[in-house]
């Protein structure tokens, strides 16, 4: 068995961000920082890049904490 086949595919950090933003609970900046190791400004820049690629990202506030979500297709952010 080839080594490539035996090993699971590792997600890129951008793919990881998309996966977390697609959850029903979304993700906060601090959660995204934890999984990527990036600074907050880098997380925000990555989300800007996702928006430029056509993803609709919405921000939901609950108290002082904001969570970010990729909007469902056909739904306005």
N, C-alpha and C. Protein backbone atom coordinates (compact mmCIF):
# COMPACT_ATOMS: atom_id res chain seq x y z
N UNK A 1 0.86 -1.18 0.00
CA UNK A 1 0.00 0.00 0.00
C UNK A 1 0.90 1.24 0.00
N UNK A 2 0.57 2.15 -0.86
CA UNK A 2 1.38 3.36 -0.95
C UNK A 2 1.18 4.22 0.29
N UNK A 3 2.23 4.93 0.62
CA UNK A 3 2.20 5.80 1.80
C UNK A 3 1.15 6.90 1.66
N UNK A 4 1.00 7.45 0.44
CA UNK A 4 0.04 8.53 0.21
C UNK A 4 -1.39 8.05 0.44
N UNK A 5 -1.68 6.83 0.05
CA UNK A 5 -3.03 6.28 0.21
C UNK A 5 -3.31 5.99 1.68
N UNK A 6 -2.30 5.51 2.39
CA UNK A 6 -2.48 5.14 3.79
C UNK A 6 -2.67 6.35 4.69
N UNK A 7 -2.08 7.47 4.32
CA UNK A 7 -2.16 8.66 5.17
C UNK A 7 -3.44 9.44 4.86
N UNK A 8 -4.05 9.95 5.90
CA UNK A 8 -5.23 10.79 5.71
C UNK A 8 -4.79 12.14 5.16
N UNK A 9 -5.64 12.73 4.35
CA UNK A 9 -5.33 14.05 3.79
C UNK A 9 -5.41 15.09 4.90
N UNK A 10 -4.41 15.94 4.98
CA UNK A 10 -4.38 17.00 5.97
C UNK A 10 -4.99 18.25 5.37
N UNK A 11 -5.92 18.86 6.11
CA UNK A 11 -6.57 20.09 5.64
C UNK A 11 -5.61 21.26 5.74
N UNK A 12 -5.72 22.19 4.78
CA UNK A 12 -4.97 23.43 4.89
C UNK A 12 -5.64 24.29 5.97
N UNK A 13 -4.97 25.33 6.39
CA UNK A 13 -5.56 26.20 7.41
C UNK A 13 -6.81 26.89 6.88
N UNK A 14 -6.79 27.27 5.61
CA UNK A 14 -7.97 27.91 5.02
C UNK A 14 -9.14 26.93 4.98
N UNK A 15 -8.88 25.68 4.61
CA UNK A 15 -9.93 24.66 4.61
C UNK A 15 -10.47 24.42 6.02
N UNK A 16 -9.59 24.47 6.99
CA UNK A 16 -10.01 24.31 8.39
C UNK A 16 -10.92 25.46 8.80
N UNK A 17 -10.56 26.69 8.41
CA UNK A 17 -11.39 27.85 8.72
C UNK A 17 -12.77 27.69 8.09
N UNK A 18 -12.82 27.28 6.82
CA UNK A 18 -14.11 27.09 6.15
C UNK A 18 -14.94 26.04 6.87
N UNK A 19 -14.32 24.95 7.25
CA UNK A 19 -15.03 23.87 7.95
C UNK A 19 -15.64 24.39 9.26
N UNK A 20 -14.89 25.17 10.01
CA UNK A 20 -15.40 25.71 11.28
C UNK A 20 -16.50 26.74 11.05
N UNK A 21 -16.36 27.55 10.01
CA UNK A 21 -17.37 28.57 9.73
C UNK A 21 -18.68 27.95 9.22
N UNK A 22 -18.61 26.75 8.69
CA UNK A 22 -19.81 26.07 8.19
C UNK A 22 -20.61 25.37 9.31
N UNK A 23 -20.03 25.25 10.49
CA UNK A 23 -20.76 24.62 11.61
C UNK A 23 -21.97 25.48 11.96
N UNK A 24 -22.98 24.86 12.55
CA UNK A 24 -24.17 25.62 12.93
C UNK A 24 -23.85 26.69 13.97
N UNK A 25 -22.85 26.44 14.80
CA UNK A 25 -22.46 27.44 15.81
C UNK A 25 -21.43 28.43 15.28
N UNK A 26 -20.89 28.15 14.08
CA UNK A 26 -19.89 29.03 13.52
C UNK A 26 -18.61 28.98 14.34
N UNK A 27 -17.86 30.07 14.34
CA UNK A 27 -16.61 30.13 15.09
C UNK A 27 -16.28 31.58 15.43
N UNK A 28 -15.67 31.75 16.59
CA UNK A 28 -15.22 33.08 16.99
C UNK A 28 -13.78 33.27 16.52
N UNK A 29 -13.33 34.50 16.55
CA UNK A 29 -11.94 34.80 16.17
C UNK A 29 -10.98 34.00 17.05
N UNK A 30 -11.26 33.93 18.36
CA UNK A 30 -10.36 33.22 19.26
C UNK A 30 -10.33 31.72 18.97
N UNK A 31 -11.46 31.13 18.58
CA UNK A 31 -11.47 29.72 18.21
C UNK A 31 -10.65 29.49 16.95
N UNK A 32 -10.78 30.39 15.98
CA UNK A 32 -10.02 30.26 14.75
C UNK A 32 -8.52 30.46 15.01
N UNK A 33 -8.18 31.34 15.94
CA UNK A 33 -6.78 31.54 16.32
C UNK A 33 -6.20 30.26 16.90
N UNK A 34 -6.97 29.59 17.74
CA UNK A 34 -6.49 28.39 18.41
C UNK A 34 -6.14 27.30 17.40
N UNK A 35 -6.99 27.09 16.40
CA UNK A 35 -6.75 26.01 15.44
C UNK A 35 -5.71 26.35 14.39
N UNK A 36 -5.53 27.64 14.08
CA UNK A 36 -4.57 28.01 13.04
C UNK A 36 -3.23 28.49 13.59
N UNK A 37 -3.26 29.04 14.79
CA UNK A 37 -2.04 29.64 15.35
C UNK A 37 -1.78 31.03 14.82
N UNK A 38 -2.78 31.60 14.13
CA UNK A 38 -2.65 32.92 13.52
C UNK A 38 -3.08 34.02 14.49
N UNK A 39 -2.64 35.25 14.21
CA UNK A 39 -3.06 36.43 14.95
C UNK A 39 -4.45 36.86 14.45
N UNK A 40 -5.20 37.64 15.26
CA UNK A 40 -6.55 38.06 14.85
C UNK A 40 -6.58 38.77 13.50
N UNK A 41 -5.59 39.64 13.21
CA UNK A 41 -5.60 40.35 11.93
C UNK A 41 -5.43 39.39 10.76
N UNK A 42 -4.72 38.29 10.96
CA UNK A 42 -4.55 37.30 9.90
C UNK A 42 -5.83 36.52 9.66
N UNK A 43 -6.59 36.24 10.74
CA UNK A 43 -7.88 35.57 10.62
C UNK A 43 -8.84 36.46 9.83
N UNK A 44 -8.89 37.74 10.19
CA UNK A 44 -9.78 38.66 9.48
C UNK A 44 -9.38 38.79 8.01
N UNK A 45 -8.09 38.80 7.72
CA UNK A 45 -7.63 38.87 6.33
C UNK A 45 -8.03 37.60 5.57
N UNK A 46 -7.95 36.45 6.21
CA UNK A 46 -8.36 35.19 5.58
C UNK A 46 -9.86 35.22 5.27
N UNK A 47 -10.66 35.76 6.19
CA UNK A 47 -12.10 35.86 5.94
C UNK A 47 -12.39 36.83 4.80
N UNK A 48 -11.61 37.90 4.69
CA UNK A 48 -11.75 38.82 3.56
C UNK A 48 -11.45 38.10 2.26
N UNK A 49 -10.42 37.28 2.25
CA UNK A 49 -10.10 36.49 1.07
C UNK A 49 -11.22 35.53 0.70
N UNK A 50 -11.84 34.92 1.70
CA UNK A 50 -12.97 34.02 1.44
C UNK A 50 -14.14 34.79 0.82
N UNK A 51 -14.38 36.00 1.33
CA UNK A 51 -15.44 36.84 0.76
C UNK A 51 -15.15 37.16 -0.70
N UNK A 52 -13.89 37.47 -1.01
CA UNK A 52 -13.51 37.79 -2.38
C UNK A 52 -13.70 36.59 -3.30
N UNK A 53 -13.60 35.38 -2.75
CA UNK A 53 -13.81 34.16 -3.53
C UNK A 53 -15.28 33.77 -3.63
N UNK A 54 -16.16 34.59 -3.04
CA UNK A 54 -17.60 34.36 -3.20
C UNK A 54 -18.33 33.80 -1.98
N UNK A 55 -17.63 33.54 -0.89
CA UNK A 55 -18.30 33.06 0.31
C UNK A 55 -18.98 34.22 1.02
N UNK A 56 -20.22 34.00 1.44
CA UNK A 56 -20.92 35.03 2.21
C UNK A 56 -20.74 34.71 3.69
N UNK A 57 -20.02 35.56 4.37
CA UNK A 57 -19.74 35.35 5.79
C UNK A 57 -20.56 36.35 6.58
N UNK A 58 -21.32 35.83 7.53
CA UNK A 58 -22.13 36.71 8.37
C UNK A 58 -21.60 36.68 9.79
N UNK A 59 -21.79 37.78 10.48
CA UNK A 59 -21.37 37.89 11.88
C UNK A 59 -22.61 37.91 12.76
N UNK A 60 -22.60 37.07 13.77
CA UNK A 60 -23.68 37.04 14.75
C UNK A 60 -23.10 37.39 16.10
N UNK A 61 -23.76 38.31 16.78
CA UNK A 61 -23.28 38.74 18.10
C UNK A 61 -24.14 38.16 19.19
N UNK A 62 -23.49 37.65 20.20
CA UNK A 62 -24.18 37.18 21.40
C UNK A 62 -23.43 37.80 22.57
N UNK A 63 -24.00 38.88 23.10
CA UNK A 63 -23.30 39.62 24.14
C UNK A 63 -22.09 40.30 23.55
N UNK A 64 -20.94 40.11 24.18
CA UNK A 64 -19.72 40.75 23.72
C UNK A 64 -18.95 39.89 22.72
N UNK A 65 -19.42 38.66 22.48
CA UNK A 65 -18.70 37.74 21.60
C UNK A 65 -19.39 37.64 20.24
N UNK A 66 -18.61 37.76 19.19
CA UNK A 66 -19.12 37.60 17.84
C UNK A 66 -18.72 36.24 17.32
N UNK A 67 -19.63 35.61 16.59
CA UNK A 67 -19.28 34.38 15.90
C UNK A 67 -19.53 34.61 14.41
N UNK A 68 -18.77 33.94 13.61
CA UNK A 68 -18.82 34.11 12.16
C UNK A 68 -19.29 32.81 11.52
N UNK A 69 -20.11 32.95 10.47
CA UNK A 69 -20.70 31.80 9.80
C UNK A 69 -20.65 32.02 8.30
N UNK A 70 -20.46 30.93 7.56
CA UNK A 70 -20.63 31.01 6.11
C UNK A 70 -22.10 30.82 5.87
N UNK A 71 -22.71 31.82 5.23
CA UNK A 71 -24.15 31.80 4.98
C UNK A 71 -24.50 30.66 4.02
N UNK A 72 -25.65 30.10 4.20
CA UNK A 72 -26.13 29.02 3.34
C UNK A 72 -26.39 29.57 1.94
N UNK A 73 -26.22 28.75 0.91
CA UNK A 73 -26.47 29.22 -0.45
C UNK A 73 -27.89 29.77 -0.59
N UNK A 74 -28.00 30.90 -1.25
CA UNK A 74 -29.30 31.52 -1.47
C UNK A 74 -29.74 32.39 -0.31
N UNK A 75 -28.98 32.43 0.76
CA UNK A 75 -29.33 33.24 1.93
C UNK A 75 -28.42 34.46 1.97
N UNK A 76 -29.00 35.62 2.12
CA UNK A 76 -28.22 36.85 2.20
C UNK A 76 -27.60 36.97 3.59
N UNK A 77 -26.37 37.43 3.64
CA UNK A 77 -25.68 37.63 4.92
C UNK A 77 -26.04 38.95 5.52
